[in-house]
Amino acid sequence: MFYLVAFGPLIASAVALAVLLVVPSKKVLWVTVGLALASTVWSGVTAWALRDGMGPDATSSSGLAALSGFAEGMNVPVFAAAVVVVAAVTRYRTSRPYP
């Protein structure tokens, strides 16, 4: 369930990337990049809220331990958003002739 909450918005940016592959326009590029950024922020919110775990075995953390747990939860979402953004920019740039 966590993956659906954390990566759900990334599905929308992947769909926008698919649209960009068919119709490379500046508007679709900005929508794709914006959705990838929004999904990364949303993943950050969920990673921060769930960094200590849930249930009876949850631990409380603060300071560098909390930051370490947050960074550990954000590795995959940041990488996935970077892949979407790089693919979108590459597709847009290769669809335009050089001046």
Protein backbone atom coordinates (compact mmCIF):
# COMPACT_ATOMS: atom_id res chain seq x y z
CA MET A 1 0.00 0.00 0.00
CA PHE A 2 2.89 2.35 0.74
CA TYR A 3 4.14 2.12 -2.82
CA LEU A 4 0.76 3.17 -4.20
CA VAL A 5 0.67 6.18 -1.87
CA ALA A 6 4.30 7.11 -2.55
CA PHE A 7 4.42 6.44 -6.28
CA GLY A 8 0.80 7.06 -7.29
CA PRO A 9 1.47 10.57 -8.65
CA LEU A 10 4.46 9.25 -10.59
CA ILE A 11 2.02 7.19 -12.65
CA ALA A 12 0.49 10.44 -13.92
CA SER A 13 3.89 11.79 -14.93
CA ALA A 14 4.66 8.51 -16.71
CA VAL A 15 1.40 8.85 -18.66
CA ALA A 16 2.36 12.44 -19.52
CA LEU A 17 5.75 11.13 -20.67
CA ALA A 18 3.96 8.64 -22.94
CA VAL A 19 1.93 11.51 -24.41
CA LEU A 20 5.16 13.48 -24.89
CA LEU A 21 6.66 10.58 -26.82
CA VAL A 22 3.76 10.81 -29.28
CA VAL A 23 3.24 14.60 -29.34
CA PRO A 24 6.44 16.44 -28.36
CA SER A 25 5.30 19.92 -27.38
CA LYS A 26 6.54 22.42 -24.84
CA LYS A 27 3.25 22.35 -22.91
CA VAL A 28 3.36 18.55 -22.50
CA LEU A 29 7.02 18.81 -21.48
CA TRP A 30 6.17 21.25 -18.70
CA VAL A 31 3.23 19.11 -17.56
CA THR A 32 5.50 16.05 -17.42
CA VAL A 33 8.21 17.87 -15.47
CA GLY A 34 5.65 19.44 -13.14
CA LEU A 35 3.99 16.12 -12.42
CA ALA A 36 7.36 14.49 -11.77
CA LEU A 37 8.25 17.29 -9.34
CA ALA A 38 4.85 17.04 -7.62
CA SER A 39 5.20 13.28 -7.28
CA THR A 40 8.64 13.68 -5.73
CA VAL A 41 7.27 16.18 -3.21
CA TRP A 42 4.36 13.86 -2.40
CA SER A 43 6.75 10.94 -1.96
CA GLY A 44 8.79 13.15 0.36
CA VAL A 45 5.74 13.87 2.49
CA THR A 46 4.90 10.19 2.82
CA ALA A 47 8.53 9.19 3.43
CA TRP A 48 8.83 11.80 6.19
CA ALA A 49 5.55 10.76 7.80
CA LEU A 50 6.43 7.06 7.71
CA ARG A 51 10.18 7.26 8.39
CA ASP A 52 9.85 5.80 11.91
CA GLY A 53 7.54 2.96 10.97
CA MET A 54 4.03 2.21 12.11
CA GLY A 55 2.54 -0.10 14.69
CA PRO A 56 3.89 -1.32 18.00
CA ASP A 57 7.47 -1.65 16.74
CA ALA A 58 7.66 2.00 15.65
CA THR A 59 10.60 3.99 16.97
CA SER A 60 10.93 7.71 17.44
CA SER A 61 13.80 9.48 15.73
CA SER A 62 15.04 13.03 15.52
CA GLY A 63 18.03 14.89 14.14
CA LEU A 64 20.39 13.03 11.85
CA ALA A 65 18.67 9.69 12.48
CA ALA A 66 15.39 11.15 11.18
CA LEU A 67 17.16 12.70 8.20
CA SER A 68 18.88 9.38 7.45
CA GLY A 69 15.54 7.54 7.51
CA PHE A 70 14.02 10.17 5.24
CA ALA A 71 16.91 10.00 2.76
CA GLU A 72 16.70 6.21 2.75
CA GLY A 73 13.02 6.39 1.82
CA MET A 74 13.61 8.97 -0.92
CA ASN A 75 16.25 7.14 -3.00
CA VAL A 76 13.84 5.41 -5.36
CA PRO A 77 11.30 8.28 -5.83
CA VAL A 78 14.03 10.79 -6.71
CA PHE A 79 15.65 8.34 -9.12
CA ALA A 80 12.30 7.53 -10.77
CA ALA A 81 11.43 11.22 -11.17
CA ALA A 82 14.89 11.91 -12.59
CA VAL A 83 14.43 9.14 -15.16
CA VAL A 84 11.08 10.63 -16.23
CA VAL A 85 12.48 14.18 -16.46
CA VAL A 86 15.61 13.14 -18.38
CA ALA A 87 13.56 11.06 -20.80
CA ALA A 88 11.07 13.91 -21.30
CA VAL A 89 13.74 16.54 -21.92
CA THR A 90 15.69 14.22 -24.21
CA ARG A 91 12.59 13.43 -26.27
CA TYR A 92 11.61 17.09 -26.53
CA ARG A 93 15.13 18.20 -27.48
CA THR A 94 15.56 15.49 -30.11
CA SER A 95 12.22 16.31 -31.72
CA ARG A 96 13.29 19.89 -32.50
CA PRO A 97 15.74 20.75 -35.28
CA TYR A 98 18.90 22.53 -34.23
CA PRO A 99 19.06 26.22 -35.15
